Structures are given as C-alpha cells and as structure tokens.
Amino acid sequence: MAILLLVNVSHTQTATPANDYCPVLTDQRVDSTIFVEYQGKRVYFCCTKCRRDFLANPSAYLANLPQFAVASSTADVSSGMPTDTGALEQTRDSADQVPTRGGVKTSKVIRLAGKLHPVVVHFPIALVITATFFSLRAIMQKKQSYDHISYRLMYLAALSGVVTVLFGLAAGAGSSWPALLAGYFSWHRFFGLTAGTWTILSATAGFVAERGGSIRLRRLYHAMLFINVVIIGITGHLGATLVYDPDYFKL
C-alpha cells in the first residue's frame, strides 16, 4: 500500500477523476475540503470520520472510487505498487502507519483494559472539576466546609486517576496511528501522565491542607486544582483530536 499523506495541494494540481460520492458512505456527496492524497490521486470524503476509516483500511473502499477503477487483481504499472490485499496490508503495517509502542503484541487483558479507558477516564475528570467547584465556593463564601468536600473528592480522583492512566497506557500499547496523528498521540500520552501525576499531587496537597488548616496551604491546594483543570482540558482536547481528527472544531 502506498504511503498515505494528508497534505494541502495547490488547486492548480489536477486529480482525475475525482469522486463525487464518499467511498465510505457511498450515498453521501463529498465535502471538497476533506480529502487525502493516495497513490498520487486525491480522494474526497463527506466527513472526517470517513476519512479516518479510509486511512485505517484503504483497500476496503477502493472499489467505490472511480480513481481506482482498474481491477484489484492488476498491478498499477505506473505507480509500481501491488494491488493484492496481502501486499497492501503488509505495506500498510510497515509504511502507512507509525507504531506508537514498537508494534509489540499485547495480551487480551491489556486490550480489554485499553478498550475500557474511554469509560473510566470520565470519573477522575468529573471528580476534579467538581472538587474545583467546591473550592471556588469556599473561596467566594469563605467557608472551609466546602474545601473539606473538595478534599475528599480529590482523594477519589487520585485513586480513579491511577486506574485511568494504567488503562490509557494499555490502550496505547501496540497501537499504530497514521503519521498525521502519531504526534497527537505522543502529546496525549504525555499530558495524560502529567494529569494523573498532578491529580495525585493535588490530592496530597489537599490532605496536608486539611490537617494543617493554614490559609497558605489552602491557597496552594486551590492553585494546584486550577492548574489540574487546565492540564486535563489539554489532555481531553488531544484525545478528541485522535478520535475526530485535527479539524474536529471546524464547522
């Protein structure tokens, strides 16, 4: 399989013939701003999700494209690329995608844990945001009782955060991403580990503040909470980019 490149090509370059309908959702007309360059030909899609599906397995959709109307059993002489399914799959593994964990095979338990990552990740996020809300109430109303609620929420957030980080590492083990998304994955993993570590540190600061009771310790705890929310927001944005593609904010 040829190397897939997501690039912006000048409008003066011709791509013949162009597909009017999405190769993934074949009854949907394409969006001219959503495309990839594949084997020297431009392929259009109706949405970024379809583009991502195509990137994952182009050979499954070539029959729906007028650009690739030649029978799949015939080699493309001009490009010198094999068209049989076995060769395509082998080339995709070696060229089209960037291994994020060295291509290491993972056990069923690790794969299951990875699939559960999107489920468990919401618990520490909700707990940290709720803890921050109660701390804001404590600051505005000058009632330490709200901070005591916040402390306990952060204890739970730290525990669930450890599980979330482990499941996230399991999700990334042995996975591969298109070159366009490999960098986003690396940053998502970095900020995910940072968010988990910072959540534990914030909970520790809350534990010390709850027992020390000084205003300085409480202020330190509040500052760490606010930083925690920012880190979680960045991590979430990078995770959404992996799911919906870099232009998912585009209307």
Protein backbone atom coordinates (compact mmCIF):
# COMPACT_ATOMS: atom_id res chain seq x y z
CA MET A 1 0.00 0.00 0.00
CA ALA A 2 1.29 3.45 -0.84
CA ILE A 3 2.19 5.90 1.87
CA LEU A 4 -0.84 7.98 2.86
CA LEU A 5 -0.21 11.69 3.06
CA LEU A 6 -2.66 14.29 4.32
CA VAL A 7 -1.39 17.39 2.53
CA ASN A 8 -2.75 20.61 1.15
CA VAL A 9 -2.09 20.56 -2.57
CA SER A 10 -2.39 23.58 -4.85
CA HIS A 11 -5.68 23.89 -6.68
CA THR A 12 -3.72 24.02 -9.92
CA GLN A 13 -2.83 20.36 -9.49
CA THR A 14 -5.30 18.09 -11.23
CA ALA A 15 -6.65 14.89 -9.71
CA THR A 16 -8.50 12.80 -12.27
CA PRO A 17 -11.03 11.56 -11.95
CA ALA A 18 -12.41 12.95 -8.69
CA ASN A 19 -15.07 11.11 -6.72
CA ASP A 20 -18.38 12.93 -6.19
CA TYR A 21 -19.59 10.50 -3.54
CA CYS A 22 -17.90 9.35 -0.37
CA PRO A 23 -16.21 5.93 -0.72
CA VAL A 24 -17.19 5.03 2.87
CA LEU A 25 -20.78 6.31 2.98
CA THR A 26 -21.48 5.83 -0.69
CA ASP A 27 -24.81 7.69 -0.69
CA GLN A 28 -23.30 10.90 0.68
CA ARG A 29 -21.83 13.64 -1.51
CA VAL A 30 -18.29 14.67 -0.65
CA ASP A 31 -17.02 17.81 1.04
CA SER A 32 -14.33 19.36 -1.18
CA THR A 33 -12.30 20.42 1.88
CA ILE A 34 -11.94 16.88 3.25
CA PHE A 35 -9.54 14.70 1.27
CA VAL A 36 -6.32 12.69 1.24
CA GLU A 37 -3.67 12.03 -1.37
CA TYR A 38 -3.49 8.28 -2.01
CA GLN A 39 -1.23 6.71 -4.65
CA GLY A 40 -0.89 10.10 -6.29
CA LYS A 41 -4.66 10.60 -6.57
CA ARG A 42 -6.93 12.77 -4.49
CA VAL A 43 -9.77 11.07 -2.63
CA TYR A 44 -12.62 13.13 -1.19
CA PHE A 45 -14.91 12.31 1.75
CA CYS A 46 -18.15 13.55 3.27
CA CYS A 47 -16.70 13.89 6.79
CA THR A 48 -13.51 13.44 8.77
CA LYS A 49 -14.75 10.19 10.30
CA CYS A 50 -14.97 8.61 6.85
CA ARG A 51 -11.51 9.92 6.06
CA ARG A 52 -10.21 8.26 9.22
CA ASP A 53 -11.92 4.96 8.29
CA PHE A 54 -10.33 5.12 4.86
CA LEU A 55 -6.89 5.77 6.35
CA ALA A 56 -7.27 2.70 8.55
CA ASN A 57 -8.03 0.37 5.63
CA PRO A 58 -7.97 1.96 2.16
CA SER A 59 -8.22 -1.33 0.27
CA ALA A 60 -11.74 -1.87 1.62
CA TYR A 61 -13.02 1.23 -0.21
CA LEU A 62 -11.04 1.36 -3.47
CA ALA A 63 -13.84 -0.35 -5.38
CA ASN A 64 -16.08 2.64 -4.59
CA LEU A 65 -13.70 5.12 -6.21
CA PRO A 66 -13.58 5.97 -9.93
CA GLN A 67 -9.92 6.92 -9.40
CA PHE A 68 -9.17 3.24 -8.86
CA ALA A 69 -11.50 1.61 -11.37
CA VAL A 70 -8.84 -0.86 -12.53
CA ALA A 71 -9.46 -4.43 -11.36
CA SER A 72 -7.90 -5.10 -7.99
CA SER A 73 -6.05 -8.15 -9.32
CA THR A 74 -3.98 -5.99 -11.72
CA ALA A 75 -0.86 -4.22 -10.54
CA ASP A 76 -0.68 -0.46 -11.07
CA VAL A 77 2.22 -0.30 -13.51
CA SER A 78 2.58 3.48 -13.41
CA SER A 79 3.00 3.63 -9.66
CA GLY A 80 4.73 0.32 -9.26
CA MET A 81 2.51 -0.55 -6.29
CA PRO A 82 0.98 -4.01 -5.67
CA THR A 83 -2.79 -4.21 -5.52
CA ASP A 84 -3.33 -7.64 -3.96
CA THR A 85 -4.83 -7.50 -0.48
CA GLY A 86 -1.97 -9.32 1.27
CA ALA A 87 0.68 -6.98 -0.10
CA LEU A 88 -1.45 -3.96 0.66
CA GLU A 89 -1.94 -4.98 4.28
CA GLN A 90 1.75 -5.76 4.72
CA THR A 91 2.79 -2.41 3.28
CA ARG A 92 0.21 -0.56 5.40
CA ASP A 93 1.72 -2.00 8.57
CA SER A 94 5.24 -1.01 7.56
CA ALA A 95 4.71 2.33 5.80
CA ASP A 96 1.33 3.94 6.23
CA GLN A 97 1.17 3.99 10.00
CA VAL A 98 3.59 4.89 12.75
CA PRO A 99 3.88 2.31 15.56
CA THR A 100 3.44 4.02 18.92
CA ARG A 101 4.70 1.17 21.07
CA GLY A 102 7.11 -0.53 18.73
CA GLY A 103 4.50 -2.86 17.28
CA VAL A 104 4.51 -5.01 20.43
CA LYS A 105 1.73 -7.55 20.55
CA THR A 106 -0.50 -7.23 23.58
CA SER A 107 -2.48 -9.74 25.60
CA LYS A 108 -6.27 -9.89 25.66
CA VAL A 109 -6.31 -8.48 29.21
CA ILE A 110 -4.31 -5.42 28.13
CA ARG A 111 -6.51 -4.92 25.07
CA LEU A 112 -9.62 -5.13 27.24
CA ALA A 113 -8.19 -2.61 29.69
CA GLY A 114 -7.42 -0.31 26.77
CA LYS A 115 -10.98 -0.52 25.49
CA LEU A 116 -12.24 0.49 28.94
CA HIS A 117 -10.09 3.64 29.00
CA PRO A 118 -12.75 5.88 27.38
CA VAL A 119 -15.21 4.69 30.05
CA VAL A 120 -13.12 5.18 33.20
CA VAL A 121 -11.46 8.42 32.07
CA HIS A 122 -14.61 10.42 32.82
CA PHE A 123 -14.61 9.61 36.54
CA PRO A 124 -11.43 11.47 37.59
CA ILE A 125 -12.26 14.32 35.22
CA ALA A 126 -15.69 14.82 36.80
CA LEU A 127 -14.27 14.50 40.31
CA VAL A 128 -11.51 17.08 39.72
CA ILE A 129 -13.93 19.57 38.16
CA THR A 130 -16.43 19.09 40.98
CA ALA A 131 -13.68 19.46 43.59
CA THR A 132 -12.62 22.71 41.92
CA PHE A 133 -16.20 23.94 42.01
CA PHE A 134 -16.44 23.39 45.77
CA SER A 135 -13.09 25.08 46.30
CA LEU A 136 -14.34 28.10 44.39
CA ARG A 137 -17.36 28.15 46.69
CA ALA A 138 -15.01 28.01 49.68
CA ILE A 139 -13.03 30.98 48.32
CA MET A 140 -16.07 33.10 47.48
CA GLN A 141 -18.11 32.35 50.60
CA LYS A 142 -15.12 31.90 52.93
CA LYS A 143 -16.44 28.58 54.23
CA GLN A 144 -13.87 25.87 54.86
CA SER A 145 -16.62 23.24 54.88
CA TYR A 146 -16.67 23.42 51.06
CA ASP A 147 -12.94 22.76 50.98
CA HIS A 148 -13.42 19.66 53.11
CA ILE A 149 -15.82 18.33 50.46
CA SER A 150 -13.26 19.20 47.80
CA TYR A 151 -10.50 17.31 49.62
CA ARG A 152 -12.49 14.10 49.70
CA LEU A 153 -13.43 14.36 46.06
CA MET A 154 -9.75 14.72 45.18
CA TYR A 155 -8.87 11.61 47.17
CA LEU A 156 -11.31 9.67 44.97
CA ALA A 157 -9.98 11.45 41.87
CA ALA A 158 -6.42 10.35 42.69
CA LEU A 159 -7.47 6.71 43.07
CA SER A 160 -9.52 6.66 39.88
CA GLY A 161 -6.80 8.65 38.11
CA VAL A 162 -4.28 5.86 38.69
CA VAL A 163 -6.67 3.35 37.11
CA THR A 164 -7.33 5.71 34.20
CA VAL A 165 -3.63 6.20 33.48
CA LEU A 166 -3.00 2.45 33.55
CA PHE A 167 -5.92 1.83 31.19
CA GLY A 168 -4.68 4.62 28.95
CA LEU A 169 -1.23 3.04 28.73
CA ALA A 170 -2.94 -0.24 27.89
CA ALA A 171 -4.89 1.49 25.10
CA GLY A 172 -1.67 2.80 23.59
CA ALA A 173 0.30 -0.44 23.90
CA GLY A 174 0.91 -1.97 20.48
CA SER A 175 -1.33 0.54 18.70
CA SER A 176 -0.49 2.34 15.47
CA TRP A 177 -1.60 5.71 14.11
CA PRO A 178 -1.41 7.41 10.73
CA ALA A 179 1.58 9.74 10.53
CA LEU A 180 -0.74 12.75 10.84
CA LEU A 181 -1.96 11.61 14.27
CA ALA A 182 1.16 9.98 15.72
CA GLY A 183 2.39 13.29 17.17
CA TYR A 184 -1.00 14.00 18.74
CA PHE A 185 -0.92 10.57 20.36
CA SER A 186 2.51 11.21 21.88
CA TRP A 187 1.36 14.52 23.35
CA HIS A 188 -1.89 12.99 24.58
CA ARG A 189 0.05 10.30 26.41
CA PHE A 190 2.46 12.89 27.88
CA PHE A 191 -0.31 15.15 29.17
CA GLY A 192 -2.32 12.14 30.34
CA LEU A 193 0.58 11.01 32.52
CA THR A 194 1.05 14.60 33.67
CA ALA A 195 -2.63 14.94 34.54
CA GLY A 196 -2.58 11.71 36.54
CA THR A 197 0.55 12.73 38.43
CA TRP A 198 -0.76 16.24 39.08
CA THR A 199 -4.05 14.84 40.38
CA ILE A 200 -2.15 12.74 42.92
CA LEU A 201 -0.06 15.77 43.93
CA SER A 202 -3.21 17.91 44.26
CA ALA A 203 -4.85 15.27 46.44
CA THR A 204 -1.70 15.15 48.58
CA ALA A 205 -1.76 18.94 48.91
CA GLY A 206 -5.41 18.68 49.99
CA PHE A 207 -4.51 16.04 52.57
CA VAL A 208 -1.80 18.31 54.03
CA ALA A 209 -4.07 21.37 53.93
CA GLU A 210 -6.91 19.51 55.64
CA ARG A 211 -4.66 18.59 58.54
CA GLY A 212 -2.58 21.77 58.64
CA GLY A 213 -5.50 24.13 58.23
CA SER A 214 -3.37 27.16 57.37
CA ILE A 215 -4.52 29.66 54.77
CA ARG A 216 -1.23 29.28 52.87
CA LEU A 217 -1.71 25.53 52.47
CA ARG A 218 -5.29 26.02 51.33
CA ARG A 219 -4.20 28.58 48.73
CA LEU A 220 -1.55 26.18 47.45
CA TYR A 221 -4.20 23.49 47.14
CA HIS A 222 -6.54 25.85 45.25
CA ALA A 223 -3.77 26.85 42.82
CA MET A 224 -2.90 23.23 42.13
CA LEU A 225 -6.56 22.43 41.48
CA PHE A 226 -6.87 25.18 38.89
CA ILE A 227 -3.69 24.02 37.14
CA ASN A 228 -5.06 20.49 37.24
CA VAL A 229 -8.19 21.54 35.35
CA VAL A 230 -6.07 23.19 32.64
CA ILE A 231 -3.91 20.08 32.19
CA ILE A 232 -7.00 17.88 31.99
CA GLY A 233 -8.50 20.21 29.39
CA ILE A 234 -5.41 19.96 27.19
CA THR A 235 -5.34 16.19 27.57
CA GLY A 236 -9.01 15.94 26.64
CA HIS A 237 -8.52 18.11 23.56
CA LEU A 238 -5.69 15.89 22.33
CA GLY A 239 -7.79 12.79 22.96
CA ALA A 240 -10.67 14.27 20.97
CA THR A 241 -8.24 15.04 18.16
CA LEU A 242 -7.32 11.36 17.96
CA VAL A 243 -11.00 10.41 17.73
CA TYR A 244 -12.35 13.15 15.45
CA ASP A 245 -9.18 14.30 13.54
CA PRO A 246 -7.30 17.61 13.94
CA ASP A 247 -10.03 19.69 12.30
CA TYR A 248 -12.88 18.45 14.52
CA PHE A 249 -13.58 22.04 15.67
CA LYS A 250 -14.22 23.12 12.08
CA LEU A 251 -17.87 23.97 11.42
